[in-house]
């Protein structure tokens, strides 16, 4: 049987991997980056300057997941990037080996267990829950039924003090034009059951700094899911003399980070009442605004934080009458870039630049409150790099424990 590689971004170096060896026996090219729990054998390998996650599975399942992940990528949803499927593997004796799914390793991402083993506390659990809720709602809005929602099937990236969640395992997923309420509720139920068990495992392994109320957290997950879903999709009725509520609804969605692509508006014959319902909403309102102004591509919460600092910069210098893109360029070159450039080379793997900038702003607030006077951003950055950043783990190259 001939080795067969189907890849959307072919890398000739893939042929150098030891495909005739079972994945669990791989040592060459393997890098000790943390992996989440999986029912499959998974290894993370580095080939030149690229890092891949390799998962052994059945051929049909590998191709199905590969195509699903490609669909999610085309829809712009937060999921790992699929690179290819390897089939036709045999060992030295000619016996068949499982097929393999290749995905791109998500930089600066960590599974939830690694987060807690490197300093995260039980107080941060609601932030992880919020990230999962946003991910699940975004997937459901796009018609994706997950089927196996859990912390183990998610990777987390830091985002302005919180987290952004990315789908890792789409093996049980299904993409439809639209999900029924029962399918959405099934995913929410599975999420609460799985997360409850994972929280108990964290407690049993002494990975949490103190006891966590698992029941309260899974109730929080369900409550926040339903609240966000209703805000994004629920109908709203009001009198024709309250048309300002249309703009108010759109602003609320923008504040949550969602743009309204389509709004369904219905009124009675006499025009006495109006009923509105968002039909198409998409996360990334602040990301797109910041990218249009500066070219920076960051997480949604980071974008909101950076835009707030841009607004402060504009106000402080009295530049409100200037073109916003010109002011944004000044902020980028005079504030943002010089601050992130202050990170020494040996600390570049600790946090992504937008997260470093967010933490500098938080540190500036702390120093200003302590001093009783406003502290300069660059003074705060120097103090942060010297006293805070140096103690953080290297998340880009962090090893398992």
Protein backbone atom coordinates (compact mmCIF):
# COMPACT_ATOMS: atom_id res chain seq x y z
CA UNK A 1 0.00 0.00 0.00
CA UNK A 2 1.41 3.39 -1.03
CA UNK A 3 1.60 6.29 1.38
CA UNK A 4 -0.92 8.95 0.36
CA UNK A 5 -0.96 12.54 1.62
CA UNK A 6 -3.86 14.90 0.89
CA UNK A 7 -2.95 18.43 1.96
CA UNK A 8 -4.22 21.93 1.24
CA UNK A 9 -0.82 23.43 2.08
CA UNK A 10 1.69 20.81 0.91
CA UNK A 11 4.98 20.78 2.78
CA UNK A 12 7.60 18.42 1.28
CA UNK A 13 9.07 18.02 4.76
CA UNK A 14 6.01 15.98 5.74
CA UNK A 15 7.47 13.07 3.76
CA UNK A 16 10.40 12.97 6.19
CA UNK A 17 8.22 12.08 9.17
CA UNK A 18 8.40 8.42 10.33
CA UNK A 19 5.02 7.37 8.96
CA UNK A 20 5.95 3.67 9.18
CA UNK A 21 6.21 3.97 12.97
CA UNK A 22 3.16 4.04 15.30
CA UNK A 23 2.57 7.61 16.45
CA UNK A 24 2.99 6.76 20.13
CA UNK A 25 6.58 5.69 19.39
CA UNK A 26 7.59 8.91 17.64
CA UNK A 27 10.54 10.78 19.14
CA UNK A 28 12.17 12.57 16.20
CA UNK A 29 10.71 16.04 15.44
CA UNK A 30 8.40 15.77 18.49
CA UNK A 31 8.27 18.94 20.61
CA UNK A 32 7.13 18.91 24.26
CA UNK A 33 4.21 21.30 23.85
CA UNK A 34 1.17 20.59 26.05
CA UNK A 35 -1.72 18.58 24.62
CA UNK A 36 -5.27 18.23 25.83
CA UNK A 37 -6.80 14.90 26.78
CA UNK A 38 -7.78 12.86 23.72
CA UNK A 39 -9.16 9.44 22.92
CA UNK A 40 -6.60 9.29 20.12
CA UNK A 41 -2.82 9.29 20.07
CA UNK A 42 -1.64 12.85 19.35
CA UNK A 43 1.87 14.22 18.85
CA UNK A 44 3.07 17.75 18.14
CA UNK A 45 5.98 17.95 15.73
CA UNK A 46 8.19 20.72 14.38
CA UNK A 47 9.40 20.72 10.78
CA UNK A 48 11.70 23.65 10.09
CA UNK A 49 9.71 26.71 11.25
CA UNK A 50 6.28 25.07 11.24
CA UNK A 51 4.59 23.17 14.06
CA UNK A 52 1.93 20.53 13.42
CA UNK A 53 -0.44 18.46 15.53
CA UNK A 54 -0.71 14.86 14.26
CA UNK A 55 -3.64 12.68 15.35
CA UNK A 56 -4.08 8.98 14.54
CA UNK A 57 -7.62 7.97 13.63
CA UNK A 58 -9.70 5.97 11.15
CA UNK A 59 -9.40 7.06 7.51
CA UNK A 60 -13.07 7.97 6.99
CA UNK A 61 -13.16 9.93 10.25
CA UNK A 62 -9.91 11.71 9.39
CA UNK A 63 -11.25 12.91 6.03
CA UNK A 64 -14.61 13.89 7.54
CA UNK A 65 -12.97 15.97 10.27
CA UNK A 66 -10.53 17.49 7.77
CA UNK A 67 -13.40 18.67 5.55
CA UNK A 68 -15.40 19.95 8.52
CA UNK A 69 -12.45 21.97 9.80
CA UNK A 70 -11.93 23.41 6.32
CA UNK A 71 -15.60 24.45 6.26
CA UNK A 72 -15.21 26.14 9.64
CA UNK A 73 -12.09 27.89 8.37
CA UNK A 74 -13.96 29.21 5.32
CA UNK A 75 -16.68 30.52 7.64
CA UNK A 76 -14.07 32.35 9.70
CA UNK A 77 -14.88 30.43 12.87
CA UNK A 78 -12.33 29.88 15.68
CA UNK A 79 -10.96 26.39 15.11
CA UNK A 80 -7.59 24.82 14.45
CA UNK A 81 -6.47 25.02 10.83
CA UNK A 82 -6.56 21.67 8.96
CA UNK A 83 -3.55 20.87 6.79
CA UNK A 84 -4.00 17.35 5.50
CA UNK A 85 -4.69 13.64 5.90
CA UNK A 86 -2.14 10.83 5.62
CA UNK A 87 -3.36 7.37 4.59
CA UNK A 88 -1.78 4.14 3.40
CA UNK A 89 0.54 3.86 6.41
CA UNK A 90 2.16 0.50 7.09
CA UNK A 91 4.82 -0.59 9.56
CA UNK A 92 8.08 -2.39 8.71
CA UNK A 93 6.24 -5.73 8.69
CA UNK A 94 3.64 -4.48 6.23
CA UNK A 95 0.84 -4.26 8.80
CA UNK A 96 -1.56 -1.35 8.43
CA UNK A 97 -1.29 1.67 10.72
CA UNK A 98 -4.04 4.22 11.43
CA UNK A 99 -4.48 7.22 9.18
CA UNK A 100 -3.42 10.60 10.51
CA UNK A 101 -5.01 14.04 10.55
CA UNK A 102 -2.64 17.02 10.36
CA UNK A 103 -3.55 20.42 11.80
CA UNK A 104 -1.56 23.58 12.35
CA UNK A 105 -0.54 24.12 15.95
CA UNK A 106 -2.23 27.22 17.34
CA UNK A 107 0.49 29.58 18.59
CA UNK A 108 0.26 30.81 22.18
CA UNK A 109 -2.60 28.42 22.91
CA UNK A 110 -2.89 26.05 25.85
CA UNK A 111 -5.26 23.28 26.93
CA UNK A 112 -7.14 24.04 30.12
CA UNK A 113 -5.08 21.67 32.30
CA UNK A 114 -1.85 23.39 31.33
CA UNK A 115 -3.33 26.77 32.19
CA UNK A 116 -4.02 25.62 35.74
CA UNK A 117 -0.67 23.89 36.12
CA UNK A 118 1.04 27.19 35.28
CA UNK A 119 -0.60 29.63 37.62
CA UNK A 120 -4.28 29.93 36.71
CA UNK A 121 -6.58 29.91 39.76
CA UNK A 122 -10.16 28.86 40.41
CA UNK A 123 -11.12 32.54 40.18
CA UNK A 124 -10.33 32.39 36.45
CA UNK A 125 -12.81 29.59 35.74
CA UNK A 126 -15.69 31.95 34.89
CA UNK A 127 -13.45 33.51 32.21
CA UNK A 128 -12.90 30.07 30.67
CA UNK A 129 -16.64 29.42 30.82
CA UNK A 130 -17.34 32.74 29.09
CA UNK A 131 -14.87 31.88 26.33
CA UNK A 132 -16.52 28.50 25.81
CA UNK A 133 -19.96 30.12 25.72
CA UNK A 134 -18.91 32.60 23.03
CA UNK A 135 -17.34 29.79 21.00
CA UNK A 136 -20.44 27.59 21.28
CA UNK A 137 -22.80 30.43 20.36
CA UNK A 138 -20.68 31.36 17.34
CA UNK A 139 -20.67 27.75 16.14
CA UNK A 140 -24.42 27.43 16.61
CA UNK A 141 -25.08 30.68 14.77
CA UNK A 142 -23.18 29.18 11.82
CA UNK A 143 -25.20 25.95 11.98
CA UNK A 144 -22.47 23.78 13.50
CA UNK A 145 -23.60 21.00 15.83
CA UNK A 146 -20.62 19.99 17.95
CA UNK A 147 -21.84 16.86 19.72
CA UNK A 148 -18.90 16.65 22.14
CA UNK A 149 -18.50 20.02 23.85
CA UNK A 150 -15.86 19.92 26.57
CA UNK A 151 -12.89 21.80 27.94
CA UNK A 152 -10.68 19.02 26.57
CA UNK A 153 -11.78 19.77 23.01
CA UNK A 154 -10.86 23.45 23.27
CA UNK A 155 -7.62 25.42 23.19
CA UNK A 156 -7.46 28.76 24.97
CA UNK A 157 -5.54 31.90 24.07
CA UNK A 158 -5.21 34.86 26.40
CA UNK A 159 -7.25 37.89 25.38
CA UNK A 160 -7.07 41.14 27.38
CA UNK A 161 -7.04 39.39 30.73
CA UNK A 162 -9.67 36.87 29.64
CA UNK A 163 -9.58 34.08 27.10
CA UNK A 164 -10.58 33.22 23.55
CA UNK A 165 -11.56 29.62 22.85
CA UNK A 166 -10.80 27.59 19.71
CA UNK A 167 -12.36 24.29 18.68
CA UNK A 168 -9.80 21.49 18.41
CA UNK A 169 -11.81 18.31 17.85
CA UNK A 170 -14.59 18.35 15.21
CA UNK A 171 -14.83 14.57 14.91
CA UNK A 172 -18.45 14.43 16.13
CA UNK A 173 -19.52 17.69 14.50
CA UNK A 174 -22.03 18.36 11.78
CA UNK A 175 -22.59 21.50 9.72
CA UNK A 176 -26.19 22.33 8.78
CA UNK A 177 -27.95 25.33 7.23
CA UNK A 178 -29.56 25.95 10.62
CA UNK A 179 -29.71 24.19 13.98
CA UNK A 180 -32.95 23.29 15.72
CA UNK A 181 -33.46 24.39 19.31
CA UNK A 182 -33.25 20.76 20.43
CA UNK A 183 -29.82 20.32 18.80
CA UNK A 184 -28.54 23.47 20.46
CA UNK A 185 -29.89 22.35 23.83
CA UNK A 186 -28.27 18.96 23.35
CA UNK A 187 -24.89 20.64 22.92
CA UNK A 188 -25.48 22.76 26.03
CA UNK A 189 -26.43 19.67 28.04
CA UNK A 190 -23.34 17.78 26.86
CA UNK A 191 -21.22 20.82 27.69
CA UNK A 192 -22.50 21.02 31.26
CA UNK A 193 -22.05 17.28 31.83
CA UNK A 194 -18.52 17.17 30.41
CA UNK A 195 -17.33 20.39 32.06
CA UNK A 196 -18.73 19.22 35.41
CA UNK A 197 -16.67 16.03 35.18
CA UNK A 198 -13.56 17.93 34.09
CA UNK A 199 -13.86 20.33 37.02
CA UNK A 200 -14.10 17.40 39.43
CA UNK A 201 -10.97 15.90 37.81
CA UNK A 202 -9.14 19.19 38.33
CA UNK A 203 -10.08 19.14 42.01
CA UNK A 204 -9.09 15.50 42.41
CA UNK A 205 -5.66 16.17 40.88
CA UNK A 206 -5.09 19.18 43.17
CA UNK A 207 -4.76 21.43 40.13
CA UNK A 208 -6.98 24.12 41.66
CA UNK A 209 -5.86 26.48 44.37
CA UNK A 210 -9.06 25.89 46.35
CA UNK A 211 -12.33 24.00 46.12
CA UNK A 212 -14.57 25.04 43.25
CA UNK A 213 -18.37 25.03 43.18
CA UNK A 214 -18.73 22.87 40.06
CA UNK A 215 -22.54 22.97 40.15
CA UNK A 216 -22.53 26.77 40.17
CA UNK A 217 -20.12 26.94 37.23
CA UNK A 218 -22.10 24.64 34.97
CA UNK A 219 -25.26 26.58 35.82
CA UNK A 220 -23.31 29.69 34.88
CA UNK A 221 -22.36 28.10 31.55
CA UNK A 222 -25.99 27.32 30.66
CA UNK A 223 -27.30 30.68 31.90
CA UNK A 224 -24.73 32.71 30.00
CA UNK A 225 -25.24 30.66 26.85
CA UNK A 226 -28.98 31.31 26.87
CA UNK A 227 -28.54 34.99 27.76
CA UNK A 228 -26.08 35.57 24.90
CA UNK A 229 -28.14 33.56 22.42
CA UNK A 230 -31.29 35.52 23.30
CA UNK A 231 -29.47 38.85 23.03
CA UNK A 232 -28.09 37.94 19.62
CA UNK A 233 -31.19 36.35 18.10
CA UNK A 234 -34.25 37.09 20.26
CA UNK A 235 -37.14 39.24 18.98
CA UNK A 236 -37.97 42.58 20.57
CA UNK A 237 -41.27 44.48 20.29
CA UNK A 238 -41.95 48.15 20.98
CA UNK A 239 -44.16 51.04 19.95
CA UNK A 240 -43.59 52.98 16.75
CA UNK A 241 -42.61 56.01 18.86
CA UNK A 242 -39.57 54.07 20.19
CA UNK A 243 -37.67 53.56 16.94
CA UNK A 244 -34.49 54.56 18.77
CA UNK A 245 -34.53 51.06 20.26
CA UNK A 246 -33.39 49.64 16.91
CA UNK A 247 -30.14 51.58 17.15
CA UNK A 248 -29.90 50.72 20.85
CA UNK A 249 -30.15 46.99 20.07
CA UNK A 250 -27.44 47.26 17.43
CA UNK A 251 -25.19 49.18 19.84
CA UNK A 252 -25.67 46.50 22.52
CA UNK A 253 -24.63 43.83 20.04
CA UNK A 254 -21.63 45.94 18.98
CA UNK A 255 -20.62 46.27 22.64
CA UNK A 256 -20.65 42.46 22.85
CA UNK A 257 -18.33 42.40 19.83
CA UNK A 258 -20.93 41.38 17.23
CA UNK A 259 -21.87 43.10 14.00
CA UNK A 260 -25.45 42.88 12.71
CA UNK A 261 -25.39 41.78 9.09
CA UNK A 262 -29.17 41.47 8.73
CA UNK A 263 -32.09 42.72 10.84
CA UNK A 264 -35.67 41.52 10.36
CA UNK A 265 -38.15 44.37 10.99
CA UNK A 266 -41.91 43.77 11.06
CA UNK A 267 -44.66 46.32 11.75
CA UNK A 268 -48.46 46.20 11.83
CA UNK A 269 -50.61 47.79 9.12
CA UNK A 270 -51.23 50.92 11.16
CA UNK A 271 -47.60 51.16 12.20
CA UNK A 272 -48.41 51.22 15.91
CA UNK A 273 -45.81 48.63 16.89
CA UNK A 274 -42.53 47.32 15.57
CA UNK A 275 -40.92 43.90 15.98
CA UNK A 276 -37.20 43.46 15.32
CA UNK A 277 -35.06 40.32 15.31
CA UNK A 278 -31.38 40.01 14.35
CA UNK A 279 -31.04 37.40 11.62
CA UNK A 280 -27.33 37.41 10.85
CA UNK A 281 -24.78 38.41 13.48
CA UNK A 282 -21.03 37.98 13.35
CA UNK A 283 -18.39 38.33 16.05
CA UNK A 284 -15.44 40.58 15.32
CA UNK A 285 -16.83 44.13 15.42
CA UNK A 286 -13.84 45.58 17.30
CA UNK A 287 -11.32 43.29 15.51
CA UNK A 288 -12.41 44.57 12.12
CA UNK A 289 -12.42 48.19 13.26
CA UNK A 290 -8.92 47.96 14.72
CA UNK A 291 -7.56 46.08 11.71
CA UNK A 292 -8.99 48.67 9.34
CA UNK A 293 -7.33 51.46 11.34
CA UNK A 294 -3.97 49.89 12.18
CA UNK A 295 -3.57 46.58 10.36
CA UNK A 296 -3.33 44.73 13.70
CA UNK A 297 -5.06 41.34 13.76
CA UNK A 298 -5.91 40.51 17.37
CA UNK A 299 -8.55 38.81 19.52
CA UNK A 300 -11.86 40.61 20.02
CA UNK A 301 -11.31 41.57 23.68
CA UNK A 302 -7.80 42.75 22.88
CA UNK A 303 -9.15 44.88 20.03
CA UNK A 304 -11.66 46.52 22.35
CA UNK A 305 -8.88 47.27 24.85
CA UNK A 306 -6.57 48.74 22.21
CA UNK A 307 -9.36 50.84 20.70
CA UNK A 308 -10.07 52.28 24.14
CA UNK A 309 -6.42 53.29 24.47
CA UNK A 310 -6.53 54.80 20.98
CA UNK A 311 -9.54 56.86 22.09
CA UNK A 312 -7.67 58.00 25.21
CA UNK A 313 -4.66 58.94 23.07
CA UNK A 314 -6.93 60.95 20.74
CA UNK A 315 -8.57 62.79 23.64
CA UNK A 316 -5.33 63.43 25.54
CA UNK A 317 -3.67 65.07 22.53
CA UNK A 318 -6.82 66.88 21.41
CA UNK A 319 -6.85 65.11 18.03
CA UNK A 320 -10.60 64.61 17.85
CA UNK A 321 -10.90 66.64 14.67
CA UNK A 322 -8.17 64.72 12.86
CA UNK A 323 -8.92 61.83 10.52
CA UNK A 324 -9.18 58.73 12.67
CA UNK A 325 -6.91 56.61 10.47
CA UNK A 326 -4.16 59.25 10.72
CA UNK A 327 -4.53 59.40 14.51
CA UNK A 328 -4.47 55.59 14.62
CA UNK A 329 -1.20 55.59 12.69
CA UNK A 330 0.32 58.01 15.21
CA UNK A 331 -0.87 55.86 18.12
CA UNK A 332 0.51 52.73 16.45
CA UNK A 333 3.95 54.19 15.78
CA UNK A 334 4.28 56.39 18.86
CA UNK A 335 2.68 54.20 21.55
CA UNK A 336 1.86 50.59 20.63
CA UNK A 337 4.93 49.58 18.64
CA UNK A 338 7.49 51.22 20.98
CA UNK A 339 5.85 49.54 24.00
CA UNK A 340 5.87 46.02 22.55
CA UNK A 341 9.42 46.60 21.28
CA UNK A 342 10.52 46.97 24.92
CA UNK A 343 10.06 43.23 25.45
CA UNK A 344 13.53 41.63 25.41
CA UNK A 345 14.25 38.86 22.90
CA UNK A 346 14.38 36.16 25.57
CA UNK A 347 10.83 37.05 26.68
CA UNK A 348 9.11 37.10 23.29
CA UNK A 349 7.59 33.67 23.88
CA UNK A 350 5.81 34.62 27.10
CA UNK A 351 2.81 36.50 25.68
CA UNK A 352 1.64 37.77 22.32
CA UNK A 353 2.32 41.49 21.70
CA UNK A 354 -1.36 42.60 22.05
CA UNK A 355 -1.61 40.80 25.39
CA UNK A 356 1.65 42.39 26.55
CA UNK A 357 0.23 45.82 25.67
CA UNK A 358 -2.99 45.07 27.57
CA UNK A 359 -1.00 44.01 30.63
CA UNK A 360 1.13 47.15 30.45
CA UNK A 361 -2.07 49.24 30.49
CA UNK A 362 -3.34 47.29 33.51
CA UNK A 363 0.03 47.71 35.21
CA UNK A 364 -0.03 51.46 34.50
CA UNK A 365 -3.40 51.71 36.22
CA UNK A 366 -2.01 49.80 39.23
CA UNK A 367 1.09 52.00 39.47
CA UNK A 368 -0.95 55.20 39.04
CA UNK A 369 -3.35 54.21 41.81
CA UNK A 370 -0.42 53.32 44.06
CA UNK A 371 1.35 56.62 43.32
CA UNK A 372 -1.80 58.73 43.47
CA UNK A 373 -0.84 60.27 40.13
CA UNK A 374 -0.86 59.26 36.47
CA UNK A 375 2.16 57.17 35.49
CA UNK A 376 3.64 57.47 32.00
CA UNK A 377 2.93 54.50 29.72
CA UNK A 378 6.61 53.89 28.94
CA UNK A 379 7.59 54.07 32.62
CA UNK A 380 4.86 51.54 33.34
CA UNK A 381 6.11 49.35 30.48
CA UNK A 382 9.67 49.35 31.79
CA UNK A 383 8.47 48.44 35.29
CA UNK A 384 6.19 45.73 33.91
CA UNK A 385 8.94 44.11 31.85
CA UNK A 386 11.38 44.19 34.75
CA UNK A 387 9.12 43.06 37.58
CA UNK A 388 6.13 41.21 36.05
CA UNK A 389 6.85 39.80 32.61
CA UNK A 390 10.12 38.20 33.72
CA UNK A 391 8.20 35.88 36.10
CA UNK A 392 5.65 34.67 33.54
CA UNK A 393 6.01 31.23 31.89
CA UNK A 394 7.12 30.98 28.28
CA UNK A 395 3.75 30.00 26.76
CA UNK A 396 5.03 29.72 23.21
CA UNK A 397 7.51 26.99 24.18
CA UNK A 398 6.02 25.79 27.45
CA UNK A 399 6.50 22.11 28.29
CA UNK A 400 4.12 19.75 29.98
CA UNK A 401 4.45 18.96 33.66
